[in-house]
C-alpha atoms as a PDB file:
ATOM      1  CA  MET A   1       6.936 -61.038  57.173  1.00  0.00           C
ATOM      2  CA  ALA A   2       9.882 -60.506  54.906  1.00  0.00           C
ATOM      3  CA  PRO A   3      11.396 -57.021  55.137  1.00  0.00           C
ATOM      4  CA  GLY A   4       9.707 -54.735  52.736  1.00  0.00           C
ATOM      5  CA  GLY A   5       6.892 -57.204  52.002  1.00  0.00           C
ATOM      6  CA  TYR A   6       3.309 -56.341  52.695  1.00  0.00           C
ATOM      7  CA  ILE A   7       0.315 -58.503  53.381  1.00  0.00           C
ATOM      8  CA  GLY A   8      -2.158 -58.800  50.475  1.00  0.00           C
ATOM      9  CA  GLU A   9      -5.586 -57.254  50.269  1.00  0.00           C
ATOM     10  CA  PHE A  10      -7.442 -60.542  51.091  1.00  0.00           C
ATOM     11  CA  GLU A  11      -5.164 -61.154  54.087  1.00  0.00           C
ATOM     12  CA  GLN A  12      -5.881 -57.650  55.341  1.00  0.00           C
ATOM     13  CA  MET A  13      -9.660 -58.200  55.011  1.00  0.00           C
ATOM     14  CA  VAL A  14      -9.408 -61.588  56.813  1.00  0.00           C
ATOM     15  CA  LEU A  15      -7.419 -59.981  59.708  1.00  0.00           C
ATOM     16  CA  LEU A  16      -9.866 -57.141  59.949  1.00  0.00           C
ATOM     17  CA  ALA A  17     -12.874 -59.479  59.897  1.00  0.00           C
ATOM     18  CA  ILE A  18     -11.338 -61.600  62.706  1.00  0.00           C
ATOM     19  CA  LEU A  19     -10.921 -58.383  64.712  1.00  0.00           C
ATOM     20  CA  GLN A  20     -14.475 -57.356  64.002  1.00  0.00           C
ATOM     21  CA  ALA A  21     -15.835 -60.735  65.110  1.00  0.00           C
ATOM     22  CA  GLY A  22     -13.913 -60.539  68.329  1.00  0.00           C
ATOM     23  CA  ASP A  23     -14.469 -63.498  70.742  1.00  0.00           C
ATOM     24  CA  GLU A  24     -16.856 -64.997  68.161  1.00  0.00           C
ATOM     25  CA  ALA A  25     -14.240 -65.287  65.464  1.00  0.00           C
ATOM     26  CA  ASN A  26     -14.915 -68.836  64.243  1.00  0.00           C
ATOM     27  CA  GLY A  27     -14.645 -69.697  60.610  1.00  0.00           C
ATOM     28  CA  TYR A  28     -18.391 -69.217  59.860  1.00  0.00           C
ATOM     29  CA  ARG A  29     -18.567 -65.844  61.582  1.00  0.00           C
ATOM     30  CA  VAL A  30     -15.426 -64.487  60.000  1.00  0.00           C
ATOM     31  CA  ARG A  31     -16.524 -65.535  56.464  1.00  0.00           C
ATOM     32  CA  GLN A  32     -19.913 -63.982  57.112  1.00  0.00           C
ATOM     33  CA  GLU A  33     -18.224 -60.692  58.224  1.00  0.00           C
ATOM     34  CA  LEU A  34     -16.040 -60.701  55.116  1.00  0.00           C
ATOM     35  CA  GLU A  35     -18.971 -61.333  52.748  1.00  0.00           C
ATOM     36  CA  GLN A  36     -21.146 -58.657  54.368  1.00  0.00           C
ATOM     37  CA  ALA A  37     -18.557 -56.001  54.773  1.00  0.00           C
ATOM     38  CA  ALA A  38     -16.755 -56.531  51.486  1.00  0.00           C
ATOM     39  CA  ASP A  39     -19.840 -57.451  49.514  1.00  0.00           C
ATOM     40  CA  ARG A  40     -18.163 -60.460  47.991  1.00  0.00           C
ATOM     41  CA  THR A  41     -18.461 -64.209  48.075  1.00  0.00           C
ATOM     42  CA  VAL A  42     -15.687 -66.008  49.972  1.00  0.00           C
ATOM     43  CA  SER A  43     -15.143 -69.675  49.135  1.00  0.00           C
ATOM     44  CA  LYS A  44     -14.298 -72.003  52.047  1.00  0.00           C
ATOM     45  CA  GLY A  45     -11.216 -73.232  50.188  1.00  0.00           C
ATOM     46  CA  ALA A  46      -9.695 -69.818  49.591  1.00  0.00           C
ATOM     47  CA  PHE A  47     -10.635 -68.722  53.135  1.00  0.00           C
ATOM     48  CA  TYR A  48      -9.021 -71.670  54.976  1.00  0.00           C
ATOM     49  CA  THR A  49      -6.001 -71.729  52.690  1.00  0.00           C
ATOM     50  CA  THR A  50      -5.411 -68.009  53.504  1.00  0.00           C
ATOM     51  CA  LEU A  51      -5.867 -68.703  57.233  1.00  0.00           C
ATOM     52  CA  ASP A  52      -3.334 -71.615  57.138  1.00  0.00           C
ATOM     53  CA  ARG A  53      -0.837 -69.357  55.278  1.00  0.00           C
ATOM     54  CA  MET A  54      -1.348 -66.510  57.766  1.00  0.00           C
ATOM     55  CA  GLU A  55      -0.850 -68.935  60.636  1.00  0.00           C
ATOM     56  CA  SER A  56       2.443 -70.094  59.157  1.00  0.00           C
ATOM     57  CA  LYS A  57       3.495 -66.421  58.923  1.00  0.00           C
ATOM     58  CA  GLY A  58       2.588 -65.882  62.537  1.00  0.00           C
ATOM     59  CA  LEU A  59      -0.288 -63.409  61.815  1.00  0.00           C
ATOM     60  CA  VAL A  60      -3.083 -65.453  63.427  1.00  0.00           C
ATOM     61  CA  THR A  61      -3.420 -68.267  65.973  1.00  0.00           C
ATOM     62  CA  TRP A  62      -6.431 -70.406  66.673  1.00  0.00           C
ATOM     63  CA  ASP A  63      -7.762 -72.695  69.380  1.00  0.00           C
ATOM     64  CA  THR A  64     -10.509 -75.298  69.301  1.00  0.00           C
ATOM     65  CA  ARG A  65     -13.698 -74.724  71.296  1.00  0.00           C
ATOM     66  CA  PRO A  66     -16.695 -76.922  71.929  1.00  0.00           C
ATOM     67  CA  PRO A  67     -19.633 -76.160  69.586  1.00  0.00           C
ATOM     68  CA  THR A  68     -22.078 -73.556  70.633  1.00  0.00           C
ATOM     69  CA  GLU A  69     -25.699 -74.447  71.084  1.00  0.00           C
ATOM     70  CA  GLY A  70     -27.407 -74.957  67.772  1.00  0.00           C
ATOM     71  CA  ALA A  71     -24.142 -75.430  65.898  1.00  0.00           C
ATOM     72  CA  SER A  72     -22.879 -78.677  64.462  1.00  0.00           C
ATOM     73  CA  SER A  73     -21.552 -81.165  67.003  1.00  0.00           C
ATOM     74  CA  LEU A  74     -17.934 -80.623  65.820  1.00  0.00           C
ATOM     75  CA  PRO A  75     -15.538 -78.406  67.747  1.00  0.00           C
ATOM     76  CA  GLN A  76     -14.938 -75.027  66.158  1.00  0.00           C
ATOM     77  CA  ARG A  77     -11.722 -73.186  65.411  1.00  0.00           C
ATOM     78  CA  HIS A  78     -11.640 -69.677  66.783  1.00  0.00           C
ATOM     79  CA  PHE A  79      -9.095 -67.253  65.401  1.00  0.00           C
ATOM     80  CA  VAL A  80      -7.088 -64.455  67.011  1.00  0.00           C
ATOM     81  CA  VAL A  81      -4.930 -61.863  65.321  1.00  0.00           C
ATOM     82  CA  THR A  82      -1.389 -61.970  66.820  1.00  0.00           C
ATOM     83  CA  PRO A  83       0.671 -58.833  67.671  1.00  0.00           C
ATOM     84  CA  ALA A  84       2.585 -59.541  64.483  1.00  0.00           C
ATOM     85  CA  GLY A  85      -0.614 -59.611  62.555  1.00  0.00           C
ATOM     86  CA  LEU A  86      -1.668 -56.254  64.054  1.00  0.00           C
ATOM     87  CA  HIS A  87       1.740 -54.817  63.211  1.00  0.00           C
ATOM     88  CA  GLU A  88       1.450 -55.899  59.620  1.00  0.00           C
ATOM     89  CA  LEU A  89      -2.102 -54.421  59.361  1.00  0.00           C
ATOM     90  CA  HIS A  90      -0.831 -51.072  60.643  1.00  0.00           C
ATOM     91  CA  ARG A  91       2.213 -51.200  58.354  1.00  0.00           C
ATOM     92  CA  SER A  92      -0.009 -51.807  55.256  1.00  0.00           C
ATOM     93  CA  ARG A  93      -2.487 -49.148  56.283  1.00  0.00           C
ATOM     94  CA  ASN A  94       0.229 -46.563  56.830  1.00  0.00           C
ATOM     95  CA  ALA A  95       1.831 -47.358  53.463  1.00  0.00           C
ATOM     96  CA  LEU A  96      -1.511 -46.890  51.691  1.00  0.00           C
ATOM     97  CA  LEU A  97      -2.296 -43.699  53.554  1.00  0.00           C
ATOM     98  CA  ASN A  98       1.156 -42.302  52.606  1.00  0.00           C
ATOM     99  CA  LEU A  99       0.529 -43.208  48.959  1.00  0.00           C
ATOM    100  CA  TRP A 100      -2.837 -41.426  49.003  1.00  0.00           C
ATOM    101  CA  ARG A 101      -1.397 -38.309  50.583  1.00  0.00           C
ATOM    102  CA  GLY A 102      -1.716 -35.356  48.192  1.00  0.00           C
ATOM    103  CA  LEU A 103      -4.214 -37.082  45.956  1.00  0.00           C
ATOM    104  CA  GLU A 104      -7.324 -35.430  47.307  1.00  0.00           C
ATOM    105  CA  GLU A 105      -8.473 -34.734  43.671  1.00  0.00           C
ATOM    106  CA  PHE A 106      -8.756 -38.499  43.282  1.00  0.00           C
ATOM    107  CA  GLY A 107     -10.554 -39.084  46.596  1.00  0.00           C
ATOM    108  CA  GLY A 108      -7.432 -39.441  48.640  1.00  0.00           C
ATOM    109  CA  VAL A 109      -7.216 -38.704  52.344  1.00  0.00           C
ATOM    110  CA  GLY A 110      -5.874 -35.441  53.499  1.00  0.00           C
END
Protein backbone atom coordinates (compact mmCIF):
# COMPACT_ATOMS: atom_id res chain seq x y z
CA MET A 1 0.00 0.00 0.00
CA ALA A 2 1.05 3.55 -0.54
CA PRO A 3 2.27 5.33 2.59
CA GLY A 4 -0.68 6.93 4.33
CA GLY A 5 -3.25 5.09 2.22
CA TYR A 6 -5.79 2.72 3.73
CA ILE A 7 -7.70 -0.14 2.27
CA GLY A 8 -11.35 0.53 1.56
CA GLU A 9 -14.35 -0.81 3.43
CA PHE A 10 -15.17 -3.51 0.87
CA GLU A 11 -11.54 -4.64 0.74
CA GLN A 12 -11.56 -4.92 4.53
CA MET A 13 -14.73 -6.99 4.42
CA VAL A 14 -13.33 -9.30 1.72
CA LEU A 15 -10.12 -9.86 3.71
CA LEU A 16 -12.10 -10.57 6.87
CA ALA A 17 -14.43 -12.96 5.01
CA ILE A 18 -11.41 -14.85 3.64
CA LEU A 19 -10.04 -15.16 7.17
CA GLN A 20 -13.46 -16.32 8.45
CA ALA A 21 -13.70 -18.96 5.70
CA GLY A 22 -10.24 -20.31 6.53
CA ASP A 23 -9.17 -23.32 4.47
CA GLU A 24 -12.53 -23.25 2.66
CA ALA A 25 -11.95 -19.73 1.27
CA ASN A 26 -13.04 -20.31 -2.31
CA GLY A 27 -14.92 -17.63 -4.21
CA TYR A 28 -18.37 -19.01 -3.46
CA ARG A 29 -17.73 -19.46 0.26
CA VAL A 30 -16.16 -16.02 0.69
CA ARG A 31 -19.05 -14.30 -1.15
CA GLN A 32 -21.51 -16.28 0.99
CA GLU A 33 -19.69 -15.18 4.17
CA LEU A 34 -19.77 -11.55 3.01
CA GLU A 35 -23.44 -11.62 2.15
CA GLN A 36 -24.45 -13.23 5.45
CA ALA A 37 -22.19 -11.25 7.77
CA ALA A 38 -22.65 -7.87 6.09
CA ASP A 39 -26.28 -8.41 5.09
CA ARG A 40 -25.62 -7.23 1.54
CA THR A 41 -25.64 -8.67 -1.95
CA VAL A 42 -22.22 -9.02 -3.54
CA SER A 43 -22.05 -9.25 -7.33
CA LYS A 44 -19.54 -11.65 -8.82
CA GLY A 45 -18.06 -8.88 -10.96
CA ALA A 46 -17.37 -6.50 -8.08
CA PHE A 47 -16.09 -9.36 -5.93
CA TYR A 48 -13.58 -10.74 -8.45
CA THR A 49 -12.48 -7.27 -9.55
CA THR A 50 -11.73 -6.48 -5.91
CA LEU A 51 -9.85 -9.76 -5.44
CA ASP A 52 -7.74 -9.10 -8.54
CA ARG A 53 -6.94 -5.58 -7.30
CA MET A 54 -6.02 -6.89 -3.85
CA GLU A 55 -3.81 -9.56 -5.40
CA SER A 56 -1.95 -6.89 -7.39
CA LYS A 57 -1.44 -4.96 -4.12
CA GLY A 58 -0.04 -8.10 -2.46
CA LEU A 59 -2.90 -8.39 0.05
CA VAL A 60 -4.11 -11.85 -1.05
CA THR A 61 -2.80 -14.85 -2.92
CA TRP A 62 -4.66 -17.79 -4.34
CA ASP A 63 -4.10 -21.30 -5.58
CA THR A 64 -6.17 -23.61 -7.71
CA ARG A 65 -7.58 -26.77 -6.16
CA PRO A 66 -9.55 -29.63 -7.62
CA PRO A 67 -13.31 -29.32 -7.17
CA THR A 68 -14.84 -30.74 -4.02
CA GLU A 69 -17.45 -33.45 -4.23
CA GLY A 70 -20.75 -32.04 -5.39
CA ALA A 71 -19.15 -28.89 -6.80
CA SER A 72 -18.79 -28.06 -10.49
CA SER A 73 -16.14 -29.99 -12.35
CA LEU A 74 -13.95 -26.90 -12.66
CA PRO A 75 -10.98 -26.26 -10.37
CA GLN A 76 -11.63 -23.66 -7.68
CA ARG A 77 -9.54 -20.69 -6.64
CA HIS A 78 -8.84 -20.65 -2.89
CA PHE A 79 -7.73 -17.40 -1.33
CA VAL A 80 -5.32 -16.61 1.49
CA VAL A 81 -4.68 -13.26 3.18
CA THR A 82 -0.98 -12.41 3.02
CA PRO A 83 1.04 -10.93 5.89
CA ALA A 84 0.77 -7.58 4.07
CA GLY A 85 -3.02 -8.00 3.97
CA LEU A 86 -3.12 -8.70 7.71
CA HIS A 87 -0.92 -5.67 8.33
CA GLU A 88 -3.28 -3.42 6.34
CA LEU A 89 -6.32 -4.81 8.19
CA HIS A 90 -4.71 -4.04 11.54
CA ARG A 91 -3.63 -0.59 10.36
CA SER A 92 -7.15 0.30 9.22
CA ARG A 93 -8.71 -1.11 12.40
CA ASN A 94 -6.33 0.85 14.61
CA ALA A 95 -6.99 4.09 12.70
CA LEU A 96 -10.76 3.65 13.11
CA LEU A 97 -10.47 2.79 16.81
CA ASN A 98 -8.30 5.88 17.34
CA LEU A 99 -10.88 8.05 15.59
CA TRP A 100 -13.70 6.59 17.75
CA ARG A 101 -11.75 7.25 20.97
CA GLY A 102 -13.57 9.74 23.14
CA LEU A 103 -16.81 9.49 21.20
CA GLU A 104 -18.68 7.20 23.59
CA GLU A 105 -21.72 9.48 23.41
CA PHE A 106 -22.01 8.48 19.73
CA GLY A 107 -21.50 4.77 20.37
CA GLY A 108 -17.70 4.89 20.19
CA VAL A 109 -15.39 2.44 21.87
CA GLY A 110 -13.77 3.30 25.13
